[in-house]
Amino acid sequence: MVRETHLSPLRVLALVPYALGAAPSQRYRLEQWAPALAERGIALEFSPFADPTLTALLQMPGHVLRKAWLIVAASARRAREIRALPEHDAVVVHRAACLAGPPWVEERVRAQGRPFLFDFDDAIFRLHAAAANRPFAWLKAPGKTATLCRLSDHVVVGNEFLAAFARGLNDHVTIVPSSIDTERCRPVSRPRNPRVVVGWMGSSTSQTYLEAAAPTLRAVLAARPVELRVVSDRRPALPGVEHTWRSWSAETETQELGGFDIGIMPMPDDDWARGKCALKALQYMAMGVSTVASAVGTNREVIEHGRNGFLAVTTQDWVECIARLADNGDLRRDLGGAGRRTVEERYSMRKSAESFERVVREAMGRRQGMA
């Protein structure tokens, strides 16, 4: 149902780094919120830096010269766009307006006097790059995250770890969790799998965490005859770990999630992982899939151990948690149901869109009060 609003409609330009529909950070934040925001009188108009060709190429190793050329071309395109920036009531930048270089676009937007919001959901103030793009890591200029926090009228972040960083640079910081469309992602009747399926779904970048957990996965498989199923955009490197791999696509995402009996989210305890927004766990939980996640960062806020999922630290924890779930279908059902309720109550797309709407209108009100 479309929500009627008596508030003046606002046009907000969203400068995002990647092609639409391709990057989880965009998909589960601004892109996902856009329809609900439109119902509430805020029209997000997206402008990606990378086109689909560059976005896809960035996930592949090699192609250094072609990547460099496409980044230069995208930067030139962004410069032309900013020179002829159409009238908008506000501008929001997700992560960065350009994938490389200093924040010249954001400085130009700020100089034009429009309310400027900065949104991020990872610890991008720490240098981090996928193996495919390590030659370009220095171009990300992680120091510009601090500059963008200072420049913006309001900083929107995905969790408390990121908020703590932003609060040292800006007085106006709001946590708006990465969220799940609970109408699209909902529990389904699970197939009777020949073996209990322990599933992992994610991008090629986050898959490095799964690959690093190979010794733990070997111990899990030695303890119980479960199927490890990986759904991602590249084949995982898991030597000595028996698994099945399925290629990820947006069209089959919920179907694949619905085939899991247990969802897993292994992570190291470092700053980059602490900046994560527990999105993988939230996806599993929204589908009613019992979840086991590393006791790191936002996972500890989302999961109450033994009530709506399990948290694990050591290899023995992982073995015991997955063994308990593999042996007990009722426990899987109960934890999955509690996980679903957690997402509905705290992490739904509509709740996060409403929070973001309040931030936009608050930033607009402050700027108008300064005029």
Protein backbone atom coordinates (compact mmCIF):
# COMPACT_ATOMS: atom_id res chain seq x y z
CA MET A 1 0.00 0.00 0.00
CA VAL A 2 1.33 3.45 -0.91
CA ARG A 3 1.63 5.68 2.14
CA GLU A 4 0.11 9.12 1.66
CA THR A 5 2.26 12.00 2.83
CA HIS A 6 1.53 15.71 3.21
CA LEU A 7 5.23 16.55 3.31
CA SER A 8 6.75 18.34 0.32
CA PRO A 9 8.34 15.87 -2.12
CA LEU A 10 12.12 16.07 -2.26
CA ARG A 11 14.53 15.16 -5.06
CA VAL A 12 17.73 13.62 -3.75
CA LEU A 13 20.66 12.82 -6.03
CA ALA A 14 22.39 9.59 -4.97
CA LEU A 15 26.03 9.39 -6.12
CA VAL A 16 27.03 5.73 -5.85
CA PRO A 17 30.23 3.93 -6.86
CA TYR A 18 28.89 0.89 -8.74
CA ALA A 19 26.31 -0.02 -11.35
CA LEU A 20 22.85 -0.54 -9.88
CA GLY A 21 21.95 -4.04 -8.74
CA ALA A 22 25.56 -5.22 -8.58
CA ALA A 23 27.03 -4.31 -5.17
CA PRO A 24 25.55 -5.57 -1.87
CA SER A 25 26.30 -2.32 -0.01
CA GLN A 26 24.19 -0.31 -2.47
CA ARG A 27 21.52 -2.96 -2.94
CA TYR A 28 20.76 -3.37 0.74
CA ARG A 29 20.90 0.33 1.54
CA LEU A 30 19.95 3.16 -0.85
CA GLU A 31 18.74 1.02 -3.75
CA GLN A 32 16.54 -1.07 -1.50
CA TRP A 33 15.14 1.94 0.35
CA ALA A 34 14.27 3.90 -2.81
CA PRO A 35 10.71 2.56 -3.37
CA ALA A 36 9.74 3.07 0.28
CA LEU A 37 11.27 6.55 0.26
CA ALA A 38 9.30 7.42 -2.87
CA GLU A 39 6.11 6.51 -1.00
CA ARG A 40 7.22 8.93 1.72
CA GLY A 41 7.87 11.83 -0.64
CA ILE A 42 11.60 11.43 -1.30
CA ALA A 43 12.71 10.57 -4.83
CA LEU A 44 16.21 9.09 -5.02
CA GLU A 45 17.80 9.61 -8.43
CA PHE A 46 20.84 7.38 -8.85
CA SER A 47 24.08 8.24 -10.61
CA PRO A 48 26.64 5.39 -10.59
CA PHE A 49 30.35 6.09 -11.13
CA ALA A 50 31.14 2.70 -12.72
CA ASP A 51 29.05 1.42 -15.58
CA PRO A 52 28.12 -2.30 -15.72
CA THR A 53 31.25 -3.13 -17.73
CA LEU A 54 33.66 -1.58 -15.22
CA THR A 55 31.69 -2.94 -12.26
CA ALA A 56 31.96 -6.49 -13.62
CA LEU A 57 35.62 -6.07 -14.57
CA LEU A 58 36.56 -4.97 -11.06
CA GLN A 59 35.61 -8.42 -9.79
CA MET A 60 38.12 -10.09 -12.13
CA PRO A 61 41.88 -10.44 -11.66
CA GLY A 62 44.18 -8.80 -14.21
CA HIS A 63 42.95 -6.40 -16.93
CA VAL A 64 44.96 -3.66 -15.20
CA LEU A 65 45.25 -1.33 -18.19
CA ARG A 66 41.60 -1.70 -19.16
CA LYS A 67 40.47 -1.08 -15.58
CA ALA A 68 42.68 2.02 -15.40
CA TRP A 69 41.30 3.36 -18.68
CA LEU A 70 37.68 2.78 -17.66
CA ILE A 71 38.27 4.48 -14.28
CA VAL A 72 39.74 7.50 -16.06
CA ALA A 73 36.77 7.58 -18.46
CA ALA A 74 34.33 7.29 -15.56
CA SER A 75 36.09 10.15 -13.75
CA ALA A 76 35.76 12.35 -16.83
CA ARG A 77 32.09 11.45 -17.11
CA ARG A 78 31.56 12.32 -13.44
CA ALA A 79 33.29 15.67 -13.94
CA ARG A 80 30.95 16.54 -16.83
CA GLU A 81 27.96 15.50 -14.75
CA ILE A 82 28.96 17.62 -11.76
CA ARG A 83 29.56 20.70 -13.93
CA ALA A 84 25.97 20.40 -15.18
CA LEU A 85 24.48 19.20 -11.89
CA PRO A 86 20.69 19.44 -12.13
CA GLU A 87 18.63 20.95 -9.39
CA HIS A 88 18.16 18.65 -6.44
CA ASP A 89 17.08 19.35 -2.90
CA ALA A 90 19.94 17.30 -1.45
CA VAL A 91 22.80 14.99 -2.42
CA VAL A 92 23.76 11.72 -0.76
CA VAL A 93 27.07 10.00 -1.47
CA HIS A 94 27.34 6.29 -0.74
CA ARG A 95 30.95 5.36 0.15
CA ALA A 96 32.48 7.70 -2.48
CA ALA A 97 31.36 9.58 -5.56
CA CYS A 98 34.43 8.27 -7.44
CA LEU A 99 36.19 4.95 -6.99
CA ALA A 100 39.64 6.56 -7.08
CA GLY A 101 41.31 9.75 -6.00
CA PRO A 102 40.55 12.61 -3.62
CA PRO A 103 37.01 13.82 -2.80
CA TRP A 104 36.88 16.55 -5.44
CA VAL A 105 33.30 15.73 -6.43
CA GLU A 106 32.05 15.95 -2.86
CA GLU A 107 33.90 19.23 -2.34
CA ARG A 108 32.19 20.63 -5.45
CA VAL A 109 28.78 19.48 -4.22
CA ARG A 110 29.42 21.04 -0.82
CA ALA A 111 30.48 24.34 -2.43
CA GLN A 112 27.17 24.49 -4.31
CA GLY A 113 25.34 24.77 -1.00
CA ARG A 114 23.02 21.78 -1.20
CA PRO A 115 22.53 19.60 1.90
CA PHE A 116 25.11 16.83 1.58
CA LEU A 117 24.77 13.44 3.29
CA PHE A 118 27.47 10.77 3.45
CA ASP A 119 26.49 7.10 3.83
CA PHE A 120 28.82 4.14 4.40
CA ASP A 121 28.50 0.59 5.69
CA ASP A 122 32.08 -0.73 5.85
CA ALA A 123 35.30 0.33 7.57
CA ILE A 124 36.39 2.15 4.41
CA PHE A 125 38.67 4.35 6.54
CA ARG A 126 40.90 1.25 6.64
CA LEU A 127 42.79 0.24 3.50
CA HIS A 128 41.23 -2.94 2.13
CA ALA A 129 41.05 -4.36 -1.39
CA ALA A 130 40.09 -7.63 -3.00
CA ALA A 131 42.93 -9.62 -4.53
CA ALA A 132 41.67 -8.72 -8.01
CA ASN A 133 42.29 -5.02 -7.36
CA ARG A 134 45.33 -4.80 -5.10
CA PRO A 135 47.29 -2.83 -7.73
CA PHE A 136 44.63 -0.10 -7.34
CA ALA A 137 44.33 -0.20 -3.53
CA TRP A 138 46.27 3.03 -3.03
CA LEU A 139 43.83 4.87 -5.33
CA LYS A 140 41.00 4.31 -2.87
CA ALA A 141 42.62 6.91 -0.58
CA PRO A 142 40.99 5.65 2.64
CA GLY A 143 41.89 8.93 4.34
CA LYS A 144 39.21 10.68 2.31
CA THR A 145 36.52 8.96 4.43
CA ALA A 146 37.46 11.28 7.28
CA THR A 147 37.30 14.25 4.92
CA LEU A 148 33.83 13.24 3.74
CA CYS A 149 32.64 12.91 7.32
CA ARG A 150 33.82 16.48 8.00
CA LEU A 151 32.32 17.86 4.76
CA SER A 152 28.86 16.37 5.16
CA ASP A 153 25.83 17.84 6.85
CA HIS A 154 24.97 14.41 8.22
CA VAL A 155 26.76 11.05 8.30
CA VAL A 156 24.71 7.87 8.00
CA VAL A 157 26.41 4.60 8.97
CA GLY A 158 25.44 0.96 9.26
CA ASN A 159 26.58 0.16 12.80
CA GLU A 160 28.06 1.41 16.06
CA PHE A 161 31.70 0.68 15.14
CA LEU A 162 31.42 2.99 12.13
CA ALA A 163 29.46 5.56 14.12
CA ALA A 164 32.24 5.77 16.73
CA PHE A 165 34.67 6.74 13.95
CA ALA A 166 32.30 9.30 12.41
CA ARG A 167 31.39 10.95 15.73
CA GLY A 168 34.96 12.12 16.12
CA LEU A 169 34.55 14.13 12.90
CA ASN A 170 30.92 15.24 12.75
CA ASP A 171 28.28 16.13 15.35
CA HIS A 172 25.44 14.72 13.22
CA VAL A 173 25.75 10.94 12.93
CA THR A 174 22.89 8.44 12.68
CA ILE A 175 23.00 4.64 12.56
CA VAL A 176 20.67 3.26 9.89
CA PRO A 177 21.19 -0.50 9.60
CA SER A 178 21.63 -2.26 6.29
CA SER A 179 18.29 -3.95 5.96
CA ILE A 180 16.24 -6.74 4.44
CA ASP A 181 13.12 -6.54 2.31
CA THR A 182 11.03 -8.85 4.47
CA GLU A 183 8.35 -9.11 1.79
CA ARG A 184 10.85 -10.48 -0.73
CA CYS A 185 12.90 -12.54 1.74
CA ARG A 186 10.54 -14.69 3.75
CA PRO A 187 10.56 -18.26 5.08
CA VAL A 188 9.64 -20.97 2.60
CA SER A 189 8.95 -24.68 2.84
CA ARG A 190 12.39 -26.20 2.77
CA PRO A 191 13.17 -29.15 0.53
CA ARG A 192 13.99 -32.46 2.21
CA ASN A 193 17.70 -32.45 1.52
CA PRO A 194 19.50 -35.82 1.51
CA ARG A 195 21.92 -34.21 3.97
CA VAL A 196 21.57 -31.14 6.15
CA VAL A 197 22.77 -28.21 4.04
CA VAL A 198 25.17 -25.77 5.68
CA GLY A 199 25.12 -22.77 3.36
CA TRP A 200 27.16 -19.65 2.72
CA MET A 201 26.17 -16.90 0.29
CA GLY A 202 28.17 -13.80 -0.56
CA SER A 203 30.38 -11.85 -2.93
CA SER A 204 33.84 -12.76 -4.17
CA THR A 205 35.29 -10.17 -1.77
CA SER A 206 33.71 -11.54 1.40
CA GLN A 207 34.40 -15.09 0.21
CA THR A 208 37.98 -14.63 1.39
CA TYR A 209 36.62 -14.99 4.94
CA LEU A 210 35.04 -18.33 4.07
CA GLU A 211 38.26 -19.50 2.44
CA ALA A 212 40.29 -18.50 5.49
CA ALA A 213 37.97 -20.66 7.60
CA ALA A 214 38.85 -23.82 5.62
CA PRO A 215 40.46 -25.60 8.64
CA THR A 216 37.32 -24.98 10.70
CA LEU A 217 35.11 -26.21 7.87
CA ARG A 218 37.16 -29.39 7.58
CA ALA A 219 36.58 -30.00 11.31
CA VAL A 220 32.84 -29.42 10.90
CA LEU A 221 32.59 -31.85 8.01
CA ALA A 222 34.59 -34.44 9.93
CA ALA A 223 32.12 -34.20 12.82
CA ARG A 224 28.87 -34.43 10.83
CA PRO A 225 28.01 -35.63 7.29
CA VAL A 226 26.51 -32.29 6.22
CA GLU A 227 26.65 -30.71 2.77
CA LEU A 228 28.58 -27.45 2.55
CA ARG A 229 26.97 -25.34 -0.17
CA VAL A 230 28.55 -22.10 -1.41
CA VAL A 231 26.60 -19.59 -3.53
CA SER A 232 28.80 -16.80 -4.89
CA ASP A 233 30.09 -15.07 -8.01
CA ARG A 234 33.30 -17.11 -8.22
CA ARG A 235 34.35 -20.63 -7.33
CA PRO A 236 35.79 -20.74 -3.81
CA ALA A 237 39.34 -21.90 -3.06
CA LEU A 238 38.68 -24.50 -0.36
CA PRO A 239 41.37 -27.19 -0.66
CA GLY A 240 40.51 -30.33 1.24
CA VAL A 241 36.95 -29.13 1.96
CA GLU A 242 34.21 -31.06 0.19
CA HIS A 243 31.59 -28.61 -1.04
CA THR A 244 29.18 -27.77 -3.81
CA TRP A 245 29.28 -24.40 -5.54
CA ARG A 246 26.43 -22.58 -7.26
CA SER A 247 26.73 -19.37 -9.21
CA TRP A 248 24.97 -16.42 -7.56
CA SER A 249 22.39 -14.33 -9.37
CA ALA A 250 19.89 -11.77 -8.12
CA GLU A 251 17.07 -13.78 -9.71
CA THR A 252 17.81 -16.98 -7.77
CA GLU A 253 19.12 -15.41 -4.53
CA THR A 254 16.07 -16.04 -2.34
CA GLN A 255 15.54 -19.50 -3.83
CA GLU A 256 19.11 -20.47 -2.96
CA LEU A 257 18.80 -19.06 0.56
CA GLY A 258 15.61 -21.04 1.02
CA GLY A 259 17.53 -24.24 0.30
CA PHE A 260 19.84 -23.78 3.30
CA ASP A 261 19.14 -25.58 6.58
CA ILE A 262 21.90 -23.70 8.41
CA GLY A 263 23.51 -20.43 7.33
CA ILE A 264 27.07 -19.58 8.34
CA MET A 265 29.06 -16.33 8.57
CA PRO A 266 32.69 -16.92 9.61
CA MET A 267 34.80 -13.76 10.05
CA PRO A 268 38.14 -12.77 11.59
CA ASP A 269 38.21 -10.35 14.51
CA ASP A 270 39.77 -7.32 12.83
CA ASP A 271 38.71 -3.74 12.11
CA TRP A 272 37.42 -4.47 8.61
CA ALA A 273 35.21 -7.28 9.92
CA ARG A 274 34.03 -5.16 12.86
CA GLY A 275 32.80 -2.60 10.35
CA LYS A 276 30.56 -5.17 8.64
CA CYS A 277 26.80 -4.84 9.09
CA ALA A 278 25.92 -8.54 9.64
CA LEU A 279 24.10 -8.54 6.31
CA LYS A 280 24.77 -12.20 5.59
CA ALA A 281 23.35 -13.24 8.95
CA LEU A 282 20.33 -11.00 8.41
CA GLN A 283 19.65 -12.61 5.03
CA TYR A 284 19.65 -16.08 6.56
CA MET A 285 17.53 -14.99 9.51
CA ALA A 286 14.95 -13.23 7.31
CA MET A 287 14.46 -16.51 5.46
CA GLY A 288 13.95 -18.37 8.74
CA VAL A 289 17.28 -20.19 8.35
CA SER A 290 19.06 -21.06 11.60
CA THR A 291 22.30 -19.09 11.72
CA VAL A 292 25.81 -19.52 13.12
CA ALA A 293 28.11 -16.48 12.94
CA SER A 294 31.45 -15.40 14.32
CA ALA A 295 31.13 -13.42 17.55
CA VAL A 296 32.51 -10.28 15.89
CA GLY A 297 31.21 -6.73 15.56
CA THR A 298 27.56 -6.26 14.62
CA ASN A 299 26.94 -10.02 14.67
CA ARG A 300 26.93 -9.72 18.46
CA GLU A 301 24.21 -7.05 18.30
CA VAL A 302 22.03 -9.00 15.87
CA ILE A 303 22.36 -12.49 17.38
CA GLU A 304 21.51 -13.40 20.95
CA HIS A 305 23.33 -16.69 21.44
CA GLY A 306 20.90 -19.56 21.84
CA ARG A 307 17.80 -17.41 21.30
CA ASN A 308 17.80 -16.38 17.63
CA GLY A 309 21.05 -17.99 16.44
CA PHE A 310 24.46 -19.11 17.60
CA LEU A 311 27.72 -17.18 18.00
CA ALA A 312 31.04 -18.98 17.64
CA VAL A 313 34.64 -18.07 18.44
CA THR A 314 36.78 -21.20 18.37
CA THR A 315 36.81 -24.13 15.96
CA GLN A 316 35.27 -26.22 18.73
CA ASP A 317 32.44 -23.69 19.02
CA TRP A 318 31.73 -23.98 15.31
CA VAL A 319 31.76 -27.79 15.43
CA GLU A 320 29.44 -27.92 18.46
CA CYS A 321 26.97 -25.32 17.17
CA ILE A 322 26.61 -26.87 13.73
CA ALA A 323 26.43 -30.39 15.18
CA ARG A 324 23.59 -29.36 17.51
CA LEU A 325 21.65 -27.84 14.65
CA ALA A 326 22.36 -30.70 12.26
CA ASP A 327 21.06 -33.19 14.83
CA ASN A 328 17.92 -31.28 15.83
CA GLY A 329 15.38 -30.12 13.28
CA ASP A 330 13.17 -28.57 15.98
CA LEU A 331 16.06 -26.41 17.18
CA ARG A 332 16.72 -25.27 13.60
CA ARG A 333 13.06 -24.33 13.25
CA ASP A 334 12.91 -22.47 16.59
CA LEU A 335 16.09 -20.46 16.04
CA GLY A 336 15.07 -19.72 12.46
CA GLY A 337 11.69 -18.41 13.58
CA ALA A 338 13.25 -16.21 16.26
CA GLY A 339 15.74 -14.90 13.72
CA ARG A 340 12.92 -13.95 11.36
CA ARG A 341 11.20 -12.00 14.15
CA THR A 342 14.43 -10.15 14.92
CA VAL A 343 14.71 -8.96 11.32
CA GLU A 344 11.06 -7.92 11.19
CA GLU A 345 11.34 -5.93 14.42
CA ARG A 346 14.74 -4.26 13.95
CA TYR A 347 16.21 -4.68 10.46
CA SER A 348 13.40 -4.46 7.93
CA MET A 349 13.77 -2.36 4.79
CA ARG A 350 10.82 -0.17 5.73
CA LYS A 351 12.15 0.65 9.19
CA SER A 352 15.53 1.64 7.78
CA ALA A 353 13.92 3.69 4.99
CA GLU A 354 11.87 5.57 7.57
CA SER A 355 15.01 6.31 9.59
CA PHE A 356 16.81 7.55 6.48
CA GLU A 357 13.86 9.78 5.58
CA ARG A 358 14.08 11.44 9.01
CA VAL A 359 17.80 12.08 8.49
CA VAL A 360 17.22 13.71 5.07
CA ARG A 361 14.49 15.97 6.37
CA GLU A 362 16.50 16.88 9.47
CA ALA A 363 19.52 17.82 7.32
CA MET A 364 17.27 19.89 5.07
CA GLY A 365 15.76 21.66 8.06
CA ARG A 366 19.16 22.52 9.53
CA ARG A 367 20.41 23.91 6.23
CA GLN A 368 17.27 25.99 5.76
CA GLY A 369 17.64 27.30 9.31
CA MET A 370 21.17 28.45 8.48
CA ALA A 371 20.05 30.31 5.33
